[in-house]
């Protein structure tokens, strides 16, 4: 059974992630990425999609040209779980290898 992270677990896990913020409207984490162009953004999304399919854990995301917004939450647990943290770490790993990727802040997100 998948369980939501406790407050202590959430705090500890978020401290190990870079640029991820708690969602303001529900128990989830969010981050926005900006890439050099659409092809780079779409390539990033493709790599995330392959991993997500392997994990059977899919992100909520939104893409416009070179920007990708991602929200992670586990629907079965109605909140943040270790599966979300694992996928966030994977996303960080591949963005570190994407030369032009940069974290951007968007207050309307």
PDB file of N, CA and C in Angstrom:
ATOM      1  N   UNK A   1       0.839  -1.179   0.000  1.00  0.00           N
ATOM      2  CA  UNK A   1       0.000   0.000   0.000  1.00  0.00           C
ATOM      3  C   UNK A   1       0.885   1.244   0.000  1.00  0.00           C
ATOM      4  N   UNK A   2       0.504   2.205  -0.786  1.00  0.00           N
ATOM      5  CA  UNK A   2       1.240   3.459  -0.888  1.00  0.00           C
ATOM      6  C   UNK A   2       0.718   4.415   0.176  1.00  0.00           C
ATOM      7  N   UNK A   3       1.648   5.023   0.928  1.00  0.00           N
ATOM      8  CA  UNK A   3       1.197   5.976   1.952  1.00  0.00           C
ATOM      9  C   UNK A   3       1.786   7.360   1.682  1.00  0.00           C
ATOM     10  N   UNK A   4       1.034   8.369   2.070  1.00  0.00           N
ATOM     11  CA  UNK A   4       1.496   9.744   1.949  1.00  0.00           C
ATOM     12  C   UNK A   4       2.685   9.962   2.872  1.00  0.00           C
ATOM     13  N   UNK A   5       3.566  10.850   2.460  1.00  0.00           N
ATOM     14  CA  UNK A   5       4.692  11.206   3.313  1.00  0.00           C
ATOM     15  C   UNK A   5       4.198  11.977   4.529  1.00  0.00           C
ATOM     16  N   UNK A   6       4.801  11.720   5.663  1.00  0.00           N
ATOM     17  CA  UNK A   6       4.495  12.496   6.868  1.00  0.00           C
ATOM     18  C   UNK A   6       5.105  13.890   6.705  1.00  0.00           C
ATOM     19  N   UNK A   7       4.758  14.793   7.570  1.00  0.00           N
ATOM     20  CA  UNK A   7       5.332  16.150   7.525  1.00  0.00           C
ATOM     21  C   UNK A   7       6.847  16.106   7.631  1.00  0.00           C
ATOM     22  N   UNK A   8       7.351  15.253   8.521  1.00  0.00           N
ATOM     23  CA  UNK A   8       8.794  15.136   8.703  1.00  0.00           C
ATOM     24  C   UNK A   8       9.465  14.557   7.455  1.00  0.00           C
ATOM     25  N   UNK A   9       8.865  13.518   6.882  1.00  0.00           N
ATOM     26  CA  UNK A   9       9.409  12.914   5.663  1.00  0.00           C
ATOM     27  C   UNK A   9       9.401  13.928   4.520  1.00  0.00           C
ATOM     28  N   UNK A  10       8.304  14.656   4.377  1.00  0.00           N
ATOM     29  CA  UNK A  10       8.164  15.652   3.311  1.00  0.00           C
ATOM     30  C   UNK A  10       9.265  16.716   3.433  1.00  0.00           C
ATOM     31  N   UNK A  11       9.456  17.233   4.637  1.00  0.00           N
ATOM     32  CA  UNK A  11      10.470  18.263   4.866  1.00  0.00           C
ATOM     33  C   UNK A  11      11.859  17.745   4.513  1.00  0.00           C
ATOM     34  N   UNK A  12      12.180  16.539   4.958  1.00  0.00           N
ATOM     35  CA  UNK A  12      13.494  15.953   4.684  1.00  0.00           C
ATOM     36  C   UNK A  12      13.695  15.713   3.189  1.00  0.00           C
ATOM     37  N   UNK A  13      12.691  15.179   2.526  1.00  0.00           N
ATOM     38  CA  UNK A  13      12.812  14.877   1.095  1.00  0.00           C
ATOM     39  C   UNK A  13      12.901  16.149   0.259  1.00  0.00           C
ATOM     40  N   UNK A  14      12.096  17.147   0.564  1.00  0.00           N
ATOM     41  CA  UNK A  14      12.140  18.399  -0.201  1.00  0.00           C
ATOM     42  C   UNK A  14      13.478  19.110  -0.036  1.00  0.00           C
ATOM     43  N   UNK A  15      14.116  18.945   1.109  1.00  0.00           N
ATOM     44  CA  UNK A  15      15.429  19.559   1.334  1.00  0.00           C
ATOM     45  C   UNK A  15      16.484  18.977   0.395  1.00  0.00           C
ATOM     46  N   UNK A  16      16.275  17.747  -0.078  1.00  0.00           N
ATOM     47  CA  UNK A  16      17.224  17.091  -0.979  1.00  0.00           C
ATOM     48  C   UNK A  16      16.940  17.392  -2.455  1.00  0.00           C
ATOM     49  N   UNK A  17      15.812  18.027  -2.730  1.00  0.00           N
ATOM     50  CA  UNK A  17      15.447  18.370  -4.106  1.00  0.00           C
ATOM     51  C   UNK A  17      15.768  19.837  -4.361  1.00  0.00           C
ATOM     52  N   UNK A  18      16.055  20.166  -5.603  1.00  0.00           N
ATOM     53  CA  UNK A  18      16.423  21.533  -5.961  1.00  0.00           C
ATOM     54  C   UNK A  18      15.346  22.158  -6.848  1.00  0.00           C
ATOM     55  N   UNK A  19      14.769  23.254  -6.385  1.00  0.00           N
ATOM     56  CA  UNK A  19      13.814  23.990  -7.199  1.00  0.00           C
ATOM     57  C   UNK A  19      12.378  23.520  -7.116  1.00  0.00           C
ATOM     58  N   UNK A  20      12.126  22.414  -6.458  1.00  0.00           N
ATOM     59  CA  UNK A  20      10.759  21.920  -6.315  1.00  0.00           C
ATOM     60  C   UNK A  20      10.091  22.662  -5.158  1.00  0.00           C
ATOM     61  N   UNK A  21       8.835  23.047  -5.377  1.00  0.00           N
ATOM     62  CA  UNK A  21       8.083  23.787  -4.371  1.00  0.00           C
ATOM     63  C   UNK A  21       6.789  23.045  -4.056  1.00  0.00           C
ATOM     64  N   UNK A  22       6.312  23.144  -2.824  1.00  0.00           N
ATOM     65  CA  UNK A  22       5.000  22.561  -2.517  1.00  0.00           C
ATOM     66  C   UNK A  22       3.916  23.290  -3.312  1.00  0.00           C
ATOM     67  N   UNK A  23       2.949  22.549  -3.785  1.00  0.00           N
ATOM     68  CA  UNK A  23       1.802  23.164  -4.460  1.00  0.00           C
ATOM     69  C   UNK A  23       0.980  23.916  -3.424  1.00  0.00           C
ATOM     70  N   UNK A  24       0.374  24.997  -3.838  1.00  0.00           N
ATOM     71  CA  UNK A  24      -0.419  25.791  -2.898  1.00  0.00           C
ATOM     72  C   UNK A  24      -1.846  25.283  -2.767  1.00  0.00           C
ATOM     73  N   UNK A  25      -2.301  24.503  -3.738  1.00  0.00           N
ATOM     74  CA  UNK A  25      -3.705  24.093  -3.753  1.00  0.00           C
ATOM     75  C   UNK A  25      -3.959  22.636  -3.377  1.00  0.00           C
ATOM     76  N   UNK A  26      -2.872  21.856  -3.174  1.00  0.00           N
ATOM     77  CA  UNK A  26      -3.045  20.439  -2.811  1.00  0.00           C
ATOM     78  C   UNK A  26      -1.718  19.843  -2.391  1.00  0.00           C
ATOM     79  N   UNK A  27      -1.728  18.587  -1.990  1.00  0.00           N
ATOM     80  CA  UNK A  27      -0.528  17.903  -1.517  1.00  0.00           C
ATOM     81  C   UNK A  27       0.260  17.383  -2.720  1.00  0.00           C
ATOM     82  N   UNK A  28       1.152  18.227  -3.236  1.00  0.00           N
ATOM     83  CA  UNK A  28       1.934  17.917  -4.427  1.00  0.00           C
ATOM     84  C   UNK A  28       3.163  18.819  -4.438  1.00  0.00           C
ATOM     85  N   UNK A  29       4.103  18.509  -5.337  1.00  0.00           N
ATOM     86  CA  UNK A  29       5.244  19.392  -5.564  1.00  0.00           C
ATOM     87  C   UNK A  29       5.248  19.811  -7.024  1.00  0.00           C
ATOM     88  N   UNK A  30       5.830  20.984  -7.279  1.00  0.00           N
ATOM     89  CA  UNK A  30       5.825  21.539  -8.625  1.00  0.00           C
ATOM     90  C   UNK A  30       7.177  22.150  -8.952  1.00  0.00           C
ATOM     91  N   UNK A  31       7.457  22.182 -10.249  1.00  0.00           N
ATOM     92  CA  UNK A  31       8.651  22.865 -10.722  1.00  0.00           C
ATOM     93  C   UNK A  31       8.447  23.233 -12.179  1.00  0.00           C
ATOM     94  N   UNK A  32       9.022  24.336 -12.579  1.00  0.00           N
ATOM     95  CA  UNK A  32       8.993  24.747 -13.977  1.00  0.00           C
ATOM     96  C   UNK A  32      10.404  24.720 -14.532  1.00  0.00           C
ATOM     97  N   UNK A  33      10.536  24.241 -15.758  1.00  0.00           N
ATOM     98  CA  UNK A  33      11.820  24.172 -16.443  1.00  0.00           C
ATOM     99  C   UNK A  33      11.746  24.993 -17.720  1.00  0.00           C
ATOM    100  N   UNK A  34      12.868  25.577 -18.092  1.00  0.00           N
ATOM    101  CA  UNK A  34      12.962  26.310 -19.347  1.00  0.00           C
ATOM    102  C   UNK A  34      14.151  25.764 -20.126  1.00  0.00           C
ATOM    103  N   UNK A  35      13.932  25.486 -21.402  1.00  0.00           N
ATOM    104  CA  UNK A  35      14.949  24.893 -22.259  1.00  0.00           C
ATOM    105  C   UNK A  35      15.291  25.842 -23.400  1.00  0.00           C
ATOM    106  N   UNK A  36      16.273  25.491 -24.184  1.00  0.00           N
ATOM    107  CA  UNK A  36      16.721  26.345 -25.280  1.00  0.00           C
ATOM    108  C   UNK A  36      15.638  26.518 -26.343  1.00  0.00           C
ATOM    109  N   UNK A  37      14.887  25.447 -26.596  1.00  0.00           N
ATOM    110  CA  UNK A  37      13.863  25.503 -27.640  1.00  0.00           C
ATOM    111  C   UNK A  37      12.869  24.358 -27.429  1.00  0.00           C
ATOM    112  N   UNK A  38      11.895  24.258 -28.326  1.00  0.00           N
ATOM    113  CA  UNK A  38      10.865  23.230 -28.211  1.00  0.00           C
ATOM    114  C   UNK A  38      11.454  21.825 -28.310  1.00  0.00           C
ATOM    115  N   UNK A  39      12.393  21.618 -29.224  1.00  0.00           N
ATOM    116  CA  UNK A  39      12.969  20.276 -29.384  1.00  0.00           C
ATOM    117  C   UNK A  39      13.626  19.789 -28.104  1.00  0.00           C
ATOM    118  N   UNK A  40      14.344  20.670 -27.427  1.00  0.00           N
ATOM    119  CA  UNK A  40      14.989  20.278 -26.177  1.00  0.00           C
ATOM    120  C   UNK A  40      13.944  19.988 -25.096  1.00  0.00           C
ATOM    121  N   UNK A  41      12.906  20.811 -25.039  1.00  0.00           N
ATOM    122  CA  UNK A  41      11.832  20.591 -24.062  1.00  0.00           C
ATOM    123  C   UNK A  41      11.124  19.264 -24.337  1.00  0.00           C
ATOM    124  N   UNK A  42      10.839  18.995 -25.605  1.00  0.00           N
ATOM    125  CA  UNK A  42      10.136  17.765 -25.955  1.00  0.00           C
ATOM    126  C   UNK A  42      11.015  16.541 -25.705  1.00  0.00           C
ATOM    127  N   UNK A  43      12.307  16.650 -25.965  1.00  0.00           N
ATOM    128  CA  UNK A  43      13.227  15.552 -25.662  1.00  0.00           C
ATOM    129  C   UNK A  43      13.244  15.242 -24.174  1.00  0.00           C
ATOM    130  N   UNK A  44      13.270  16.294 -23.365  1.00  0.00           N
ATOM    131  CA  UNK A  44      13.200  16.144 -21.905  1.00  0.00           C
ATOM    132  C   UNK A  44      11.914  15.419 -21.513  1.00  0.00           C
ATOM    133  N   UNK A  45      10.783  15.860 -22.067  1.00  0.00           N
ATOM    134  CA  UNK A  45       9.501  15.235 -21.740  1.00  0.00           C
ATOM    135  C   UNK A  45       9.484  13.766 -22.153  1.00  0.00           C
ATOM    136  N   UNK A  46      10.099  13.459 -23.266  1.00  0.00           N
ATOM    137  CA  UNK A  46      10.154  12.072 -23.729  1.00  0.00           C
ATOM    138  C   UNK A  46      10.929  11.201 -22.748  1.00  0.00           C
ATOM    139  N   UNK A  47      12.075  11.700 -22.273  1.00  0.00           N
ATOM    140  CA  UNK A  47      12.862  10.926 -21.299  1.00  0.00           C
ATOM    141  C   UNK A  47      12.080  10.725 -20.001  1.00  0.00           C
ATOM    142  N   UNK A  48      11.391  11.769 -19.552  1.00  0.00           N
ATOM    143  CA  UNK A  48      10.574  11.642 -18.339  1.00  0.00           C
ATOM    144  C   UNK A  48       9.435  10.657 -18.580  1.00  0.00           C
ATOM    145  N   UNK A  49       8.806  10.717 -19.744  1.00  0.00           N
ATOM    146  CA  UNK A  49       7.685   9.824 -20.048  1.00  0.00           C
ATOM    147  C   UNK A  49       8.107   8.357 -20.028  1.00  0.00           C
ATOM    148  N   UNK A  50       9.281   8.057 -20.547  1.00  0.00           N
ATOM    149  CA  UNK A  50       9.768   6.670 -20.548  1.00  0.00           C
ATOM    150  C   UNK A  50       9.963   6.180 -19.116  1.00  0.00           C
ATOM    151  N   UNK A  51      10.592   6.992 -18.280  1.00  0.00           N
ATOM    152  CA  UNK A  51      10.790   6.616 -16.873  1.00  0.00           C
ATOM    153  C   UNK A  51       9.449   6.492 -16.156  1.00  0.00           C
ATOM    154  N   UNK A  52       8.551   7.433 -16.399  1.00  0.00           N
ATOM    155  CA  UNK A  52       7.239   7.405 -15.751  1.00  0.00           C
ATOM    156  C   UNK A  52       6.482   6.132 -16.119  1.00  0.00           C
ATOM    157  N   UNK A  53       6.575   5.727 -17.365  1.00  0.00           N
ATOM    158  CA  UNK A  53       5.908   4.499 -17.798  1.00  0.00           C
ATOM    159  C   UNK A  53       6.520   3.287 -17.103  1.00  0.00           C
ATOM    160  N   UNK A  54       7.848   3.264 -16.979  1.00  0.00           N
ATOM    161  CA  UNK A  54       8.514   2.169 -16.262  1.00  0.00           C
ATOM    162  C   UNK A  54       8.048   2.097 -14.809  1.00  0.00           C
ATOM    163  N   UNK A  55       7.849   3.270 -14.200  1.00  0.00           N
ATOM    164  CA  UNK A  55       7.428   3.341 -12.800  1.00  0.00           C
ATOM    165  C   UNK A  55       5.921   3.166 -12.633  1.00  0.00           C
ATOM    166  N   UNK A  56       5.177   3.236 -13.736  1.00  0.00           N
ATOM    167  CA  UNK A  56       3.716   3.295 -13.692  1.00  0.00           C
ATOM    168  C   UNK A  56       3.274   4.443 -12.772  1.00  0.00           C
ATOM    169  N   UNK A  57       3.939   5.582 -12.976  1.00  0.00           N
ATOM    170  CA  UNK A  57       3.682   6.773 -12.159  1.00  0.00           C
ATOM    171  C   UNK A  57       3.873   7.994 -13.051  1.00  0.00           C
ATOM    172  N   UNK A  58       2.790   8.651 -13.393  1.00  0.00           N
ATOM    173  CA  UNK A  58       2.831   9.655 -14.445  1.00  0.00           C
ATOM    174  C   UNK A  58       2.662  11.071 -13.903  1.00  0.00           C
ATOM    175  N   UNK A  59       3.483  11.998 -14.400  1.00  0.00           N
ATOM    176  CA  UNK A  59       3.386  13.383 -13.941  1.00  0.00           C
ATOM    177  C   UNK A  59       2.198  14.098 -14.576  1.00  0.00           C
ATOM    178  N   UNK A  60       1.810  15.175 -13.948  1.00  0.00           N
ATOM    179  CA  UNK A  60       0.912  16.133 -14.587  1.00  0.00           C
ATOM    180  C   UNK A  60       1.842  17.197 -15.142  1.00  0.00           C
ATOM    181  N   UNK A  61       1.676  17.539 -16.405  1.00  0.00           N
ATOM    182  CA  UNK A  61       2.563  18.553 -16.954  1.00  0.00           C
ATOM    183  C   UNK A  61       1.890  19.378 -18.014  1.00  0.00           C
ATOM    184  N   UNK A  62       2.535  20.501 -18.291  1.00  0.00           N
ATOM    185  CA  UNK A  62       2.030  21.474 -19.246  1.00  0.00           C
ATOM    186  C   UNK A  62       3.238  22.013 -19.999  1.00  0.00           C
ATOM    187  N   UNK A  63       3.145  22.042 -21.322  1.00  0.00           N
ATOM    188  CA  UNK A  63       4.266  22.491 -22.147  1.00  0.00           C
ATOM    189  C   UNK A  63       3.819  23.579 -23.105  1.00  0.00           C
ATOM    190  N   UNK A  64       4.564  24.672 -23.136  1.00  0.00           N
ATOM    191  CA  UNK A  64       4.423  25.703 -24.154  1.00  0.00           C
ATOM    192  C   UNK A  64       5.824  26.023 -24.654  1.00  0.00           C
ATOM    193  N   UNK A  65       6.053  25.762 -25.917  1.00  0.00           N
ATOM    194  CA  UNK A  65       7.325  25.976 -26.600  1.00  0.00           C
ATOM    195  C   UNK A  65       8.495  25.411 -25.793  1.00  0.00           C
ATOM    196  N   UNK A  66       9.259  26.262 -25.121  1.00  0.00           N
ATOM    197  CA  UNK A  66      10.461  25.780 -24.431  1.00  0.00           C
ATOM    198  C   UNK A  66      10.275  25.645 -22.922  1.00  0.00           C
ATOM    199  N   UNK A  67       9.058  25.785 -22.449  1.00  0.00           N
ATOM    200  CA  UNK A  67       8.783  25.702 -21.008  1.00  0.00           C
ATOM    201  C   UNK A  67       7.968  24.450 -20.689  1.00  0.00           C
ATOM    202  N   UNK A  68       8.330  23.812 -19.581  1.00  0.00           N
ATOM    203  CA  UNK A  68       7.605  22.630 -19.108  1.00  0.00           C
ATOM    204  C   UNK A  68       7.323  22.825 -17.627  1.00  0.00           C
ATOM    205  N   UNK A  69       6.057  22.746 -17.252  1.00  0.00           N
ATOM    206  CA  UNK A  69       5.652  22.801 -15.849  1.00  0.00           C
ATOM    207  C   UNK A  69       5.261  21.390 -15.431  1.00  0.00           C
ATOM    208  N   UNK A  70       5.772  20.955 -14.289  1.00  0.00           N
ATOM    209  CA  UNK A  70       5.497  19.597 -13.810  1.00  0.00           C
ATOM    210  C   UNK A  70       4.929  19.654 -12.402  1.00  0.00           C
ATOM    211  N   UNK A  71       3.874  18.867 -12.177  1.00  0.00           N
ATOM    212  CA  UNK A  71       3.313  18.659 -10.844  1.00  0.00           C
ATOM    213  C   UNK A  71       3.369  17.168 -10.558  1.00  0.00           C
ATOM    214  N   UNK A  72       3.870  16.824  -9.370  1.00  0.00           N
ATOM    215  CA  UNK A  72       3.945  15.422  -8.958  1.00  0.00           C
ATOM    216  C   UNK A  72       3.106  15.202  -7.706  1.00  0.00           C
ATOM    217  N   UNK A  73       2.249  14.205  -7.768  1.00  0.00           N
ATOM    218  CA  UNK A  73       1.416  13.780  -6.651  1.00  0.00           C
ATOM    219  C   UNK A  73       0.940  12.369  -6.975  1.00  0.00           C
ATOM    220  N   UNK A  74       0.671  11.589  -5.954  1.00  0.00           N
ATOM    221  CA  UNK A  74       0.217  10.214  -6.167  1.00  0.00           C
ATOM    222  C   UNK A  74      -1.281  10.148  -5.929  1.00  0.00           C
ATOM    223  N   UNK A  75      -2.017   9.880  -6.987  1.00  0.00           N
ATOM    224  CA  UNK A  75      -3.478   9.896  -6.902  1.00  0.00           C
ATOM    225  C   UNK A  75      -4.015   8.839  -5.943  1.00  0.00           C
ATOM    226  N   UNK A  76      -3.403   7.644  -5.945  1.00  0.00           N
ATOM    227  CA  UNK A  76      -3.889   6.578  -5.056  1.00  0.00           C
ATOM    228  C   UNK A  76      -3.782   6.952  -3.583  1.00  0.00           C
ATOM    229  N   UNK A  77      -2.797   7.770  -3.252  1.00  0.00           N
ATOM    230  CA  UNK A  77      -2.590   8.178  -1.857  1.00  0.00           C
ATOM    231  C   UNK A  77      -3.184   9.558  -1.576  1.00  0.00           C
ATOM    232  N   UNK A  78      -3.676  10.201  -2.625  1.00  0.00           N
ATOM    233  CA  UNK A  78      -4.218  11.556  -2.509  1.00  0.00           C
ATOM    234  C   UNK A  78      -3.184  12.510  -1.909  1.00  0.00           C
ATOM    235  N   UNK A  79      -1.925  12.376  -2.363  1.00  0.00           N
ATOM    236  CA  UNK A  79      -0.889  13.263  -1.861  1.00  0.00           C
ATOM    237  C   UNK A  79       0.499  12.829  -2.273  1.00  0.00           C
ATOM    238  N   UNK A  80       1.471  13.447  -1.669  1.00  0.00           N
ATOM    239  CA  UNK A  80       2.877  13.232  -1.983  1.00  0.00           C
ATOM    240  C   UNK A  80       3.389  11.933  -1.363  1.00  0.00           C
ATOM    241  N   UNK A  81       4.085  11.119  -2.184  1.00  0.00           N
ATOM    242  CA  UNK A  81       4.641   9.848  -1.721  1.00  0.00           C
ATOM    243  C   UNK A  81       6.088   9.717  -2.188  1.00  0.00           C
ATOM    244  N   UNK A  82       6.718   8.635  -1.770  1.00  0.00           N
ATOM    245  CA  UNK A  82       8.096   8.358  -2.194  1.00  0.00           C
ATOM    246  C   UNK A  82       8.195   8.195  -3.711  1.00  0.00           C
ATOM    247  N   UNK A  83       7.130   7.764  -4.352  1.00  0.00           N
ATOM    248  CA  UNK A  83       7.144   7.630  -5.813  1.00  0.00           C
ATOM    249  C   UNK A  83       7.351   8.992  -6.475  1.00  0.00           C
ATOM    250  N   UNK A  84       6.716  10.019  -5.923  1.00  0.00           N
ATOM    251  CA  UNK A  84       6.884  11.373  -6.459  1.00  0.00           C
ATOM    252  C   UNK A  84       8.316  11.854  -6.269  1.00  0.00           C
ATOM    253  N   UNK A  85       8.865  11.568  -5.106  1.00  0.00           N
ATOM    254  CA  UNK A  85      10.235  11.978  -4.803  1.00  0.00           C
ATOM    255  C   UNK A  85      11.210  11.258  -5.729  1.00  0.00           C
ATOM    256  N   UNK A  86      10.997   9.971  -5.952  1.00  0.00           N
ATOM    257  CA  UNK A  86      11.858   9.201  -6.852  1.00  0.00           C
ATOM    258  C   UNK A  86      11.824   9.786  -8.264  1.00  0.00           C
ATOM    259  N   UNK A  87      10.629  10.111  -8.756  1.00  0.00           N
ATOM    260  CA  UNK A  87      10.522  10.681 -10.098  1.00  0.00           C
ATOM    261  C   UNK A  87      11.154  12.074 -10.140  1.00  0.00           C
ATOM    262  N   UNK A  88      10.986  12.865  -9.101  1.00  0.00           N
ATOM    263  CA  UNK A  88      11.609  14.196  -9.048  1.00  0.00           C
ATOM    264  C   UNK A  88      13.132  14.083  -9.100  1.00  0.00           C
ATOM    265  N   UNK A  89      13.704  13.118  -8.390  1.00  0.00           N
ATOM    266  CA  UNK A  89      15.162  12.916  -8.431  1.00  0.00           C
ATOM    267  C   UNK A  89      15.615  12.512  -9.837  1.00  0.00           C
ATOM    268  N   UNK A  90      14.854  11.654 -10.489  1.00  0.00           N
ATOM    269  CA  UNK A  90      15.186  11.273 -11.864  1.00  0.00           C
ATOM    270  C   UNK A  90      15.163  12.504 -12.769  1.00  0.00           C
ATOM    271  N   UNK A  91      14.128  13.318 -12.628  1.00  0.00           N
ATOM    272  CA  UNK A  91      14.005  14.529 -13.441  1.00  0.00           C
ATOM    273  C   UNK A  91      15.200  15.451 -13.203  1.00  0.00           C
ATOM    274  N   UNK A  92      15.605  15.597 -11.965  1.00  0.00           N
ATOM    275  CA  UNK A  92      16.785  16.417 -11.663  1.00  0.00           C
ATOM    276  C   UNK A  92      18.038  15.854 -12.330  1.00  0.00           C
ATOM    277  N   UNK A  93      18.175  14.542 -12.319  1.00  0.00           N
ATOM    278  CA  UNK A  93      19.343  13.908 -12.932  1.00  0.00           C
ATOM    279  C   UNK A  93      19.405  14.197 -14.421  1.00  0.00           C
ATOM    280  N   UNK A  94      18.284  14.058 -15.117  1.00  0.00           N
ATOM    281  CA  UNK A  94      18.340  14.280 -16.569  1.00  0.00           C
ATOM    282  C   UNK A  94      18.461  15.759 -16.908  1.00  0.00           C
ATOM    283  N   UNK A  95      17.921  16.650 -16.089  1.00  0.00           N
ATOM    284  CA  UNK A  95      18.096  18.076 -16.387  1.00  0.00           C
ATOM    285  C   UNK A  95      19.533  18.502 -16.136  1.00  0.00           C
ATOM    286  N   UNK A  96      20.202  17.860 -15.206  1.00  0.00           N
ATOM    287  CA  UNK A  96      21.613  18.171 -14.968  1.00  0.00           C
ATOM    288  C   UNK A  96      22.459  17.817 -16.185  1.00  0.00           C
ATOM    289  N   UNK A  97      21.988  16.864 -16.977  1.00  0.00           N
ATOM    290  CA  UNK A  97      22.707  16.452 -18.179  1.00  0.00           C
ATOM    291  C   UNK A  97      22.212  17.167 -19.430  1.00  0.00           C
ATOM    292  N   UNK A  98      21.208  18.007 -19.285  1.00  0.00           N
ATOM    293  CA  UNK A  98      20.707  18.794 -20.405  1.00  0.00           C
ATOM    294  C   UNK A  98      21.357  20.164 -20.302  1.00  0.00           C
ATOM    295  N   UNK A  99      22.224  20.455 -21.198  1.00  0.00           N
ATOM    296  CA  UNK A  99      23.092  21.632 -21.120  1.00  0.00           C
ATOM    297  C   UNK A  99      22.342  22.937 -20.900  1.00  0.00           C
ATOM    298  N   UNK A 100      21.225  23.145 -21.558  1.00  0.00           N
ATOM    299  CA  UNK A 100      20.561  24.441 -21.513  1.00  0.00           C
ATOM    300  C   UNK A 100      19.383  24.508 -20.552  1.00  0.00           C
ATOM    301  N   UNK A 101      19.131  23.455 -19.814  1.00  0.00           N
ATOM    302  CA  UNK A 101      17.985  23.471 -18.904  1.00  0.00           C
ATOM    303  C   UNK A 101      18.259  24.413 -17.743  1.00  0.00           C
ATOM    304  N   UNK A 102      17.226  25.140 -17.357  1.00  0.00           N
ATOM    305  CA  UNK A 102      17.359  26.043 -16.211  1.00  0.00           C
ATOM    306  C   UNK A 102      16.051  26.057 -15.451  1.00  0.00           C
ATOM    307  N   UNK A 103      16.145  26.073 -14.149  1.00  0.00           N
ATOM    308  CA  UNK A 103      14.952  26.206 -13.326  1.00  0.00           C
ATOM    309  C   UNK A 103      14.472  27.643 -13.410  1.00  0.00           C
ATOM    310  N   UNK A 104      13.185  27.824 -13.581  1.00  0.00           N
ATOM    311  CA  UNK A 104      12.626  29.168 -13.564  1.00  0.00           C
ATOM    312  C   UNK A 104      11.529  29.215 -12.535  1.00  0.00           C
ATOM    313  N   UNK A 105      11.334  30.360 -11.984  1.00  0.00           N
ATOM    314  CA  UNK A 105      10.269  30.557 -11.003  1.00  0.00           C
ATOM    315  C   UNK A 105       9.117  31.263 -11.693  1.00  0.00           C
ATOM    316  N   UNK A 106       7.919  30.832 -11.421  1.00  0.00           N
ATOM    317  CA  UNK A 106       6.737  31.436 -12.018  1.00  0.00           C
ATOM    318  C   UNK A 106       5.687  31.519 -10.934  1.00  0.00           C
ATOM    319  N   UNK A 107       5.435  32.717 -10.454  1.00  0.00           N
ATOM    320  CA  UNK A 107       4.521  32.878  -9.325  1.00  0.00           C
ATOM    321  C   UNK A 107       3.088  32.511  -9.669  1.00  0.00           C
ATOM    322  N   UNK A 108       2.738  32.490 -10.947  1.00  0.00           N
ATOM    323  CA  UNK A 108       1.368  32.128 -11.308  1.00  0.00           C
ATOM    324  C   UNK A 108       1.174  30.630 -11.393  1.00  0.00           C
ATOM    325  N   UNK A 109       2.225  29.865 -11.255  1.00  0.00           N
ATOM    326  CA  UNK A 109       2.158  28.418 -11.334  1.00  0.00           C
ATOM    327  C   UNK A 109       1.625  27.933 -10.044  1.00  0.00           C
TER     328      UNK A 109
END
